[in-house]
């Protein structure tokens, strides 16, 4: 149970990191087009 919970937390963390990276990339691209 605890092991599964830890795995779930890691998956959520990885997905959040990917979303954050994608957001930063999109923001950077928008900024580049704005210039």
PDB file of N, CA and C in Angstrom:
ATOM      1  N   UNK A   1       0.848  -1.204   0.000  1.00  0.00           N
ATOM      2  CA  UNK A   1       0.000   0.000   0.000  1.00  0.00           C
ATOM      3  C   UNK A   1       0.880   1.250   0.000  1.00  0.00           C
ATOM      4  N   UNK A   2       1.753   1.337   0.975  1.00  0.00           N
ATOM      5  CA  UNK A   2       2.642   2.508   1.038  1.00  0.00           C
ATOM      6  C   UNK A   2       3.518   2.574  -0.209  1.00  0.00           C
ATOM      7  N   UNK A   3       3.988   1.394  -0.647  1.00  0.00           N
ATOM      8  CA  UNK A   3       4.836   1.344  -1.840  1.00  0.00           C
ATOM      9  C   UNK A   3       4.071   1.866  -3.061  1.00  0.00           C
ATOM     10  N   UNK A   4       2.815   1.411  -3.202  1.00  0.00           N
ATOM     11  CA  UNK A   4       1.995   1.863  -4.326  1.00  0.00           C
ATOM     12  C   UNK A   4       1.760   3.374  -4.240  1.00  0.00           C
ATOM     13  N   UNK A   5       1.518   3.845  -3.043  1.00  0.00           N
ATOM     14  CA  UNK A   5       1.274   5.274  -2.851  1.00  0.00           C
ATOM     15  C   UNK A   5       2.513   6.073  -3.250  1.00  0.00           C
ATOM     16  N   UNK A   6       3.692   5.560  -2.882  1.00  0.00           N
ATOM     17  CA  UNK A   6       4.933   6.245  -3.229  1.00  0.00           C
ATOM     18  C   UNK A   6       5.098   6.278  -4.743  1.00  0.00           C
ATOM     19  N   UNK A   7       4.774   5.176  -5.405  1.00  0.00           N
ATOM     20  CA  UNK A   7       4.875   5.147  -6.864  1.00  0.00           C
ATOM     21  C   UNK A   7       3.927   6.159  -7.491  1.00  0.00           C
ATOM     22  N   UNK A   8       2.717   6.231  -6.961  1.00  0.00           N
ATOM     23  CA  UNK A   8       1.733   7.169  -7.482  1.00  0.00           C
ATOM     24  C   UNK A   8       2.249   8.599  -7.322  1.00  0.00           C
ATOM     25  N   UNK A   9       2.806   8.902  -6.168  1.00  0.00           N
ATOM     26  CA  UNK A   9       3.342  10.243  -5.936  1.00  0.00           C
ATOM     27  C   UNK A   9       4.423  10.564  -6.963  1.00  0.00           C
ATOM     28  N   UNK A  10       5.285   9.587  -7.239  1.00  0.00           N
ATOM     29  CA  UNK A  10       6.369   9.813  -8.202  1.00  0.00           C
ATOM     30  C   UNK A  10       5.813  10.070  -9.595  1.00  0.00           C
ATOM     31  N   UNK A  11       4.778   9.310  -9.971  1.00  0.00           N
ATOM     32  CA  UNK A  11       4.165   9.496 -11.291  1.00  0.00           C
ATOM     33  C   UNK A  11       3.552  10.898 -11.406  1.00  0.00           C
ATOM     34  N   UNK A  12       2.867  11.306 -10.350  1.00  0.00           N
ATOM     35  CA  UNK A  12       2.249  12.638 -10.351  1.00  0.00           C
ATOM     36  C   UNK A  12       3.343  13.706 -10.440  1.00  0.00           C
ATOM     37  N   UNK A  13       4.430  13.512  -9.714  1.00  0.00           N
ATOM     38  CA  UNK A  13       5.528  14.472  -9.724  1.00  0.00           C
ATOM     39  C   UNK A  13       6.130  14.572 -11.121  1.00  0.00           C
ATOM     40  N   UNK A  14       6.350  13.414 -11.757  1.00  0.00           N
ATOM     41  CA  UNK A  14       6.933  13.422 -13.105  1.00  0.00           C
ATOM     42  C   UNK A  14       6.009  14.126 -14.083  1.00  0.00           C
ATOM     43  N   UNK A  15       4.693  13.838 -13.966  1.00  0.00           N
ATOM     44  CA  UNK A  15       3.740  14.461 -14.883  1.00  0.00           C
ATOM     45  C   UNK A  15       3.705  15.979 -14.656  1.00  0.00           C
ATOM     46  N   UNK A  16       3.759  16.407 -13.401  1.00  0.00           N
ATOM     47  CA  UNK A  16       3.754  17.840 -13.110  1.00  0.00           C
ATOM     48  C   UNK A  16       5.003  18.493 -13.693  1.00  0.00           C
ATOM     49  N   UNK A  17       6.144  17.820 -13.595  1.00  0.00           N
ATOM     50  CA  UNK A  17       7.389  18.362 -14.144  1.00  0.00           C
ATOM     51  C   UNK A  17       7.257  18.520 -15.653  1.00  0.00           C
ATOM     52  N   UNK A  18       6.666  17.535 -16.324  1.00  0.00           N
ATOM     53  CA  UNK A  18       6.497  17.613 -17.773  1.00  0.00           C
ATOM     54  C   UNK A  18       5.564  18.769 -18.130  1.00  0.00           C
ATOM     55  N   UNK A  19       4.467  18.904 -17.393  1.00  0.00           N
ATOM     56  CA  UNK A  19       3.532  20.000 -17.658  1.00  0.00           C
ATOM     57  C   UNK A  19       4.215  21.345 -17.463  1.00  0.00           C
ATOM     58  N   UNK A  20       5.039  21.463 -16.403  1.00  0.00           N
ATOM     59  CA  UNK A  20       5.740  22.701 -16.120  1.00  0.00           C
ATOM     60  C   UNK A  20       6.711  23.031 -17.248  1.00  0.00           C
ATOM     61  N   UNK A  21       7.432  22.004 -17.716  1.00  0.00           N
ATOM     62  CA  UNK A  21       8.388  22.218 -18.807  1.00  0.00           C
ATOM     63  C   UNK A  21       7.655  22.650 -20.071  1.00  0.00           C
ATOM     64  N   UNK A  22       6.528  22.006 -20.360  1.00  0.00           N
ATOM     65  CA  UNK A  22       5.752  22.343 -21.551  1.00  0.00           C
ATOM     66  C   UNK A  22       5.228  23.779 -21.454  1.00  0.00           C
ATOM     67  N   UNK A  23       4.774  24.170 -20.271  1.00  0.00           N
ATOM     68  CA  UNK A  23       4.279  25.533 -20.086  1.00  0.00           C
ATOM     69  C   UNK A  23       5.390  26.544 -20.325  1.00  0.00           C
ATOM     70  N   UNK A  24       6.585  26.264 -19.770  1.00  0.00           N
ATOM     71  CA  UNK A  24       7.702  27.193 -19.947  1.00  0.00           C
ATOM     72  C   UNK A  24       8.088  27.287 -21.413  1.00  0.00           C
ATOM     73  N   UNK A  25       8.069  26.145 -22.118  1.00  0.00           N
ATOM     74  CA  UNK A  25       8.433  26.156 -23.538  1.00  0.00           C
ATOM     75  C   UNK A  25       7.420  26.972 -24.330  1.00  0.00           C
ATOM     76  N   UNK A  26       6.130  26.791 -24.012  1.00  0.00           N
ATOM     77  CA  UNK A  26       5.079  27.536 -24.714  1.00  0.00           C
ATOM     78  C   UNK A  26       5.231  29.029 -24.435  1.00  0.00           C
ATOM     79  N   UNK A  27       5.510  29.374 -23.187  1.00  0.00           N
ATOM     80  CA  UNK A  27       5.691  30.784 -22.831  1.00  0.00           C
ATOM     81  C   UNK A  27       6.881  31.369 -23.579  1.00  0.00           C
ATOM     82  N   UNK A  28       7.978  30.597 -23.664  1.00  0.00           N
ATOM     83  CA  UNK A  28       9.173  31.065 -24.367  1.00  0.00           C
ATOM     84  C   UNK A  28       8.870  31.274 -25.840  1.00  0.00           C
ATOM     85  N   UNK A  29       8.134  30.312 -26.461  1.00  0.00           N
ATOM     86  CA  UNK A  29       7.790  30.435 -27.874  1.00  0.00           C
ATOM     87  C   UNK A  29       6.910  31.662 -28.105  1.00  0.00           C
ATOM     88  N   UNK A  30       5.943  31.879 -27.236  1.00  0.00           N
ATOM     89  CA  UNK A  30       5.065  33.048 -27.380  1.00  0.00           C
ATOM     90  C   UNK A  30       5.877  34.326 -27.268  1.00  0.00           C
ATOM     91  N   UNK A  31       6.837  34.341 -26.361  1.00  0.00           N
ATOM     92  CA  UNK A  31       7.670  35.522 -26.164  1.00  0.00           C
ATOM     93  C   UNK A  31       8.513  35.770 -27.412  1.00  0.00           C
ATOM     94  N   UNK A  32       9.037  34.687 -28.015  1.00  0.00           N
ATOM     95  CA  UNK A  32       9.862  34.823 -29.221  1.00  0.00           C
ATOM     96  C   UNK A  32       9.027  35.392 -30.370  1.00  0.00           C
ATOM     97  N   UNK A  33       7.794  34.913 -30.510  1.00  0.00           N
ATOM     98  CA  UNK A  33       6.941  35.404 -31.591  1.00  0.00           C
ATOM     99  C   UNK A  33       6.543  36.859 -31.338  1.00  0.00           C
ATOM    100  N   UNK A  34       6.407  37.229 -30.066  1.00  0.00           N
ATOM    101  CA  UNK A  34       6.048  38.598 -29.722  1.00  0.00           C
ATOM    102  C   UNK A  34       7.151  39.568 -30.155  1.00  0.00           C
ATOM    103  N   UNK A  35       8.382  39.102 -30.133  1.00  0.00           N
ATOM    104  CA  UNK A  35       9.531  39.941 -30.532  1.00  0.00           C
ATOM    105  C   UNK A  35       9.622  39.931 -32.043  1.00  0.00           C
TER     106      UNK A  35
END
